[in-house]
Amino acid sequence: MSDILKRIKRAILEERYAFSEKAKIEMKMDDITEMDVKEAILNAVAIYKTIRSRSPYRLRPKEYLYVIQSITLDGLALYTKGKFIRRGDEETYYFLISSKRALT
């Protein structure tokens, strides 16, 4: 398991995460809960892919987004995309930009 995935899982376990409005809307549309998203991330064995953010609102010049595709304990396949938020040199939480059902 990669160090990045360990950091993401620890942030989830320590309740250091937040959802964007987009992620909340996707979750509502797909009828998935915050617990479903947490389960899928904690069940992940790898990061599906890492992409560089192209958002004009990014806080740092090099900001990476981590895509995780995994399943809940009930077998529901989910797709999440998120990034770490830092305050100064300190990593404060994991921000979920997208959380929805995975296309299978």
N, C-alpha and C. Protein backbone atom coordinates (compact mmCIF):
# COMPACT_ATOMS: atom_id res chain seq x y z
N MET A 1 0.85 -1.18 0.00
CA MET A 1 0.00 0.00 0.00
C MET A 1 0.90 1.24 0.00
N SER A 2 0.55 2.20 -0.83
CA SER A 2 1.37 3.41 -0.96
C SER A 2 1.26 4.29 0.29
N ASP A 3 2.28 5.12 0.48
CA ASP A 3 2.28 6.06 1.61
C ASP A 3 1.12 7.06 1.49
N ILE A 4 0.81 7.45 0.27
CA ILE A 4 -0.29 8.41 0.05
C ILE A 4 -1.61 7.78 0.51
N LEU A 5 -1.85 6.54 0.11
CA LEU A 5 -3.10 5.88 0.50
C LEU A 5 -3.17 5.73 2.02
N LYS A 6 -2.06 5.44 2.65
CA LYS A 6 -2.04 5.36 4.12
C LYS A 6 -2.41 6.71 4.73
N ARG A 7 -1.87 7.79 4.17
CA ARG A 7 -2.20 9.13 4.68
C ARG A 7 -3.68 9.44 4.51
N ILE A 8 -4.24 9.05 3.36
CA ILE A 8 -5.67 9.26 3.11
C ILE A 8 -6.50 8.48 4.13
N LYS A 9 -6.16 7.21 4.32
CA LYS A 9 -6.92 6.36 5.25
C LYS A 9 -6.81 6.89 6.68
N ARG A 10 -5.65 7.35 7.07
CA ARG A 10 -5.49 7.90 8.42
C ARG A 10 -6.32 9.17 8.58
N ALA A 11 -6.35 10.01 7.56
CA ALA A 11 -7.18 11.22 7.62
C ALA A 11 -8.65 10.85 7.80
N ILE A 12 -9.11 9.82 7.09
CA ILE A 12 -10.50 9.37 7.22
C ILE A 12 -10.75 8.84 8.63
N LEU A 13 -9.86 7.98 9.12
CA LEU A 13 -10.02 7.41 10.46
C LEU A 13 -10.00 8.47 11.56
N GLU A 14 -9.21 9.52 11.35
CA GLU A 14 -9.10 10.60 12.34
C GLU A 14 -10.16 11.68 12.15
N GLU A 15 -11.11 11.43 11.23
CA GLU A 15 -12.20 12.39 10.95
C GLU A 15 -11.66 13.72 10.45
N ARG A 16 -10.55 13.70 9.73
CA ARG A 16 -9.97 14.91 9.14
C ARG A 16 -10.27 14.91 7.65
N TYR A 17 -11.52 15.12 7.30
CA TYR A 17 -11.93 15.15 5.91
C TYR A 17 -13.15 16.05 5.76
N ALA A 18 -13.41 16.47 4.55
CA ALA A 18 -14.58 17.29 4.24
C ALA A 18 -15.01 16.99 2.82
N PHE A 19 -16.27 17.28 2.52
CA PHE A 19 -16.83 17.05 1.19
C PHE A 19 -17.12 18.39 0.51
N SER A 20 -16.83 18.48 -0.77
CA SER A 20 -17.20 19.65 -1.56
C SER A 20 -18.72 19.61 -1.79
N GLU A 21 -19.27 20.73 -2.19
CA GLU A 21 -20.71 20.76 -2.54
C GLU A 21 -20.99 19.79 -3.69
N LYS A 22 -20.08 19.74 -4.67
CA LYS A 22 -20.24 18.83 -5.80
C LYS A 22 -20.31 17.39 -5.31
N ALA A 23 -19.42 17.01 -4.41
CA ALA A 23 -19.41 15.64 -3.87
C ALA A 23 -20.72 15.35 -3.14
N LYS A 24 -21.21 16.32 -2.36
CA LYS A 24 -22.46 16.13 -1.63
C LYS A 24 -23.64 15.92 -2.58
N ILE A 25 -23.66 16.69 -3.67
CA ILE A 25 -24.73 16.55 -4.66
C ILE A 25 -24.65 15.18 -5.34
N GLU A 26 -23.44 14.77 -5.72
CA GLU A 26 -23.27 13.45 -6.34
C GLU A 26 -23.72 12.34 -5.40
N MET A 27 -23.37 12.45 -4.14
CA MET A 27 -23.76 11.44 -3.16
C MET A 27 -25.28 11.37 -3.04
N LYS A 28 -25.92 12.52 -2.98
CA LYS A 28 -27.38 12.55 -2.88
C LYS A 28 -28.03 11.95 -4.12
N MET A 29 -27.50 12.30 -5.30
CA MET A 29 -28.07 11.77 -6.56
C MET A 29 -27.90 10.26 -6.66
N ASP A 30 -26.78 9.74 -6.15
CA ASP A 30 -26.51 8.30 -6.23
C ASP A 30 -26.97 7.54 -4.99
N ASP A 31 -27.60 8.25 -4.05
CA ASP A 31 -28.11 7.63 -2.83
C ASP A 31 -27.03 6.89 -2.07
N ILE A 32 -25.89 7.58 -1.88
CA ILE A 32 -24.83 7.00 -1.07
C ILE A 32 -24.58 7.90 0.14
N THR A 33 -24.10 7.29 1.21
CA THR A 33 -23.92 8.01 2.46
C THR A 33 -22.45 8.32 2.71
N GLU A 34 -22.21 9.16 3.68
CA GLU A 34 -20.85 9.47 4.09
C GLU A 34 -20.15 8.18 4.56
N MET A 35 -20.91 7.31 5.25
CA MET A 35 -20.35 6.04 5.72
C MET A 35 -19.95 5.16 4.53
N ASP A 36 -20.74 5.17 3.45
CA ASP A 36 -20.39 4.40 2.25
C ASP A 36 -19.04 4.87 1.70
N VAL A 37 -18.86 6.18 1.63
CA VAL A 37 -17.61 6.75 1.10
C VAL A 37 -16.43 6.37 1.99
N LYS A 38 -16.61 6.50 3.30
CA LYS A 38 -15.54 6.14 4.23
C LYS A 38 -15.18 4.65 4.09
N GLU A 39 -16.19 3.78 4.03
CA GLU A 39 -15.93 2.35 3.88
C GLU A 39 -15.14 2.05 2.61
N ALA A 40 -15.54 2.66 1.50
CA ALA A 40 -14.87 2.41 0.23
C ALA A 40 -13.41 2.85 0.29
N ILE A 41 -13.15 4.00 0.87
CA ILE A 41 -11.77 4.47 0.97
C ILE A 41 -10.96 3.55 1.88
N LEU A 42 -11.53 3.17 3.01
CA LEU A 42 -10.81 2.30 3.94
C LEU A 42 -10.59 0.90 3.38
N ASN A 43 -11.45 0.45 2.46
CA ASN A 43 -11.30 -0.86 1.82
C ASN A 43 -10.35 -0.84 0.63
N ALA A 44 -9.96 0.34 0.17
CA ALA A 44 -9.12 0.47 -1.03
C ALA A 44 -7.76 -0.20 -0.81
N VAL A 45 -7.26 -0.82 -1.86
CA VAL A 45 -5.93 -1.44 -1.79
C VAL A 45 -4.90 -0.63 -2.56
N ALA A 46 -5.38 0.30 -3.38
CA ALA A 46 -4.47 1.13 -4.18
C ALA A 46 -5.19 2.40 -4.63
N ILE A 47 -4.41 3.39 -4.98
CA ILE A 47 -4.94 4.59 -5.62
C ILE A 47 -5.05 4.27 -7.09
N TYR A 48 -6.24 4.49 -7.66
CA TYR A 48 -6.49 4.17 -9.06
C TYR A 48 -5.61 5.03 -9.97
N LYS A 49 -5.58 6.34 -9.71
CA LYS A 49 -4.69 7.22 -10.47
C LYS A 49 -4.50 8.53 -9.74
N THR A 50 -3.43 9.21 -10.09
CA THR A 50 -3.10 10.53 -9.54
C THR A 50 -3.05 11.50 -10.70
N ILE A 51 -3.76 12.61 -10.56
CA ILE A 51 -3.76 13.61 -11.62
C ILE A 51 -3.39 14.97 -11.02
N ARG A 52 -2.81 15.79 -11.85
CA ARG A 52 -2.44 17.14 -11.41
C ARG A 52 -3.65 18.06 -11.59
N SER A 53 -3.95 18.82 -10.56
CA SER A 53 -5.10 19.72 -10.60
C SER A 53 -4.87 20.81 -11.64
N ARG A 54 -5.93 21.11 -12.37
CA ARG A 54 -5.89 22.21 -13.34
C ARG A 54 -6.80 23.35 -12.93
N SER A 55 -7.34 23.23 -11.73
CA SER A 55 -8.27 24.24 -11.24
C SER A 55 -7.58 25.59 -11.07
N PRO A 56 -8.23 26.66 -11.51
CA PRO A 56 -7.65 27.99 -11.29
C PRO A 56 -7.72 28.40 -9.81
N TYR A 57 -8.46 27.64 -9.00
CA TYR A 57 -8.62 27.95 -7.58
C TYR A 57 -7.66 27.18 -6.67
N ARG A 58 -6.76 26.39 -7.26
CA ARG A 58 -5.84 25.61 -6.43
C ARG A 58 -4.99 26.54 -5.58
N LEU A 59 -4.63 26.03 -4.43
CA LEU A 59 -3.90 26.85 -3.46
C LEU A 59 -2.39 26.79 -3.64
N ARG A 60 -1.91 25.73 -4.27
CA ARG A 60 -0.47 25.54 -4.45
C ARG A 60 -0.20 25.30 -5.93
N PRO A 61 1.00 25.64 -6.40
CA PRO A 61 1.33 25.45 -7.83
C PRO A 61 1.22 23.98 -8.26
N LYS A 62 1.69 23.08 -7.40
CA LYS A 62 1.59 21.65 -7.70
C LYS A 62 0.60 21.02 -6.73
N GLU A 63 -0.60 20.80 -7.23
CA GLU A 63 -1.64 20.21 -6.38
C GLU A 63 -2.11 18.93 -7.07
N TYR A 64 -2.13 17.83 -6.34
CA TYR A 64 -2.49 16.54 -6.93
C TYR A 64 -3.83 16.06 -6.41
N LEU A 65 -4.57 15.42 -7.30
CA LEU A 65 -5.86 14.81 -6.97
C LEU A 65 -5.68 13.30 -7.01
N TYR A 66 -6.26 12.62 -6.04
CA TYR A 66 -6.13 11.17 -5.93
C TYR A 66 -7.48 10.52 -6.18
N VAL A 67 -7.51 9.62 -7.17
CA VAL A 67 -8.73 8.91 -7.53
C VAL A 67 -8.65 7.52 -6.92
N ILE A 68 -9.71 7.17 -6.18
CA ILE A 68 -9.81 5.85 -5.56
C ILE A 68 -11.10 5.21 -6.04
N GLN A 69 -11.00 4.00 -6.54
CA GLN A 69 -12.17 3.20 -6.87
C GLN A 69 -12.12 1.97 -5.99
N SER A 70 -13.17 1.79 -5.20
CA SER A 70 -13.20 0.67 -4.27
C SER A 70 -14.64 0.34 -3.94
N ILE A 71 -14.83 -0.65 -3.07
CA ILE A 71 -16.18 -1.07 -2.73
C ILE A 71 -16.46 -0.89 -1.24
N THR A 72 -17.74 -0.76 -0.93
CA THR A 72 -18.18 -0.70 0.46
C THR A 72 -18.24 -2.13 0.99
N LEU A 73 -18.56 -2.27 2.26
CA LEU A 73 -18.71 -3.60 2.86
C LEU A 73 -19.88 -4.37 2.25
N ASP A 74 -20.84 -3.65 1.66
CA ASP A 74 -21.98 -4.29 1.00
C ASP A 74 -21.74 -4.51 -0.49
N GLY A 75 -20.54 -4.21 -0.97
CA GLY A 75 -20.19 -4.46 -2.36
C GLY A 75 -20.55 -3.36 -3.34
N LEU A 76 -20.92 -2.20 -2.86
CA LEU A 76 -21.25 -1.06 -3.73
C LEU A 76 -19.94 -0.42 -4.21
N ALA A 77 -19.76 -0.36 -5.53
CA ALA A 77 -18.53 0.21 -6.10
C ALA A 77 -18.64 1.74 -6.14
N LEU A 78 -17.64 2.41 -5.57
CA LEU A 78 -17.63 3.87 -5.52
C LEU A 78 -16.36 4.44 -6.12
N TYR A 79 -16.50 5.66 -6.61
CA TYR A 79 -15.41 6.45 -7.19
C TYR A 79 -15.28 7.68 -6.32
N THR A 80 -14.07 7.95 -5.84
CA THR A 80 -13.84 9.20 -5.10
C THR A 80 -12.61 9.90 -5.66
N LYS A 81 -12.63 11.21 -5.58
CA LYS A 81 -11.48 12.01 -5.99
C LYS A 81 -11.28 13.07 -4.91
N GLY A 82 -10.04 13.19 -4.44
CA GLY A 82 -9.80 14.15 -3.38
C GLY A 82 -8.37 14.65 -3.37
N LYS A 83 -8.11 15.56 -2.46
CA LYS A 83 -6.78 16.15 -2.33
C LYS A 83 -6.54 16.49 -0.87
N PHE A 84 -5.27 16.66 -0.54
CA PHE A 84 -4.90 17.09 0.79
C PHE A 84 -4.92 18.60 0.85
N ILE A 85 -5.43 19.11 1.94
CA ILE A 85 -5.42 20.55 2.20
C ILE A 85 -4.36 20.80 3.27
N ARG A 86 -3.55 21.80 3.03
CA ARG A 86 -2.48 22.14 3.96
C ARG A 86 -2.68 23.57 4.46
N ARG A 87 -2.33 23.79 5.69
CA ARG A 87 -2.28 25.13 6.26
C ARG A 87 -0.82 25.35 6.61
N GLY A 88 -0.14 26.19 5.84
CA GLY A 88 1.30 26.37 6.01
C GLY A 88 2.00 25.07 5.62
N ASP A 89 2.81 24.55 6.50
CA ASP A 89 3.49 23.29 6.23
C ASP A 89 2.76 22.10 6.81
N GLU A 90 1.62 22.33 7.43
CA GLU A 90 0.90 21.26 8.11
C GLU A 90 -0.28 20.75 7.28
N GLU A 91 -0.32 19.43 7.10
CA GLU A 91 -1.45 18.81 6.40
C GLU A 91 -2.62 18.77 7.37
N THR A 92 -3.76 19.36 7.00
CA THR A 92 -4.86 19.44 7.95
C THR A 92 -5.98 18.46 7.67
N TYR A 93 -6.35 18.24 6.39
CA TYR A 93 -7.41 17.28 6.12
C TYR A 93 -7.44 16.87 4.65
N TYR A 94 -8.26 15.85 4.41
CA TYR A 94 -8.45 15.33 3.06
C TYR A 94 -9.79 15.85 2.55
N PHE A 95 -9.77 16.52 1.40
CA PHE A 95 -10.96 17.16 0.84
C PHE A 95 -11.47 16.35 -0.34
N LEU A 96 -12.68 15.83 -0.22
CA LEU A 96 -13.28 15.03 -1.29
C LEU A 96 -14.00 15.93 -2.28
N ILE A 97 -13.50 15.92 -3.50
CA ILE A 97 -14.05 16.75 -4.57
C ILE A 97 -15.20 16.04 -5.27
N SER A 98 -15.10 14.71 -5.35
CA SER A 98 -16.10 13.91 -6.04
C SER A 98 -16.31 12.61 -5.29
N SER A 99 -17.56 12.20 -5.12
CA SER A 99 -17.91 10.93 -4.47
C SER A 99 -19.18 10.42 -5.11
N LYS A 100 -19.06 9.36 -5.89
CA LYS A 100 -20.23 8.83 -6.61
C LYS A 100 -20.06 7.36 -6.89
N ARG A 101 -21.11 6.75 -7.44
CA ARG A 101 -21.03 5.35 -7.82
C ARG A 101 -20.04 5.21 -8.96
N ALA A 102 -19.26 4.15 -8.90
CA ALA A 102 -18.29 3.89 -9.96
C ALA A 102 -19.00 3.25 -11.15
N LEU A 103 -18.56 3.59 -12.34
CA LEU A 103 -19.07 2.96 -13.53
C LEU A 103 -18.37 1.61 -13.68
N THR A 104 -19.13 0.55 -13.78
CA THR A 104 -18.52 -0.77 -13.88
C THR A 104 -18.60 -1.32 -15.28
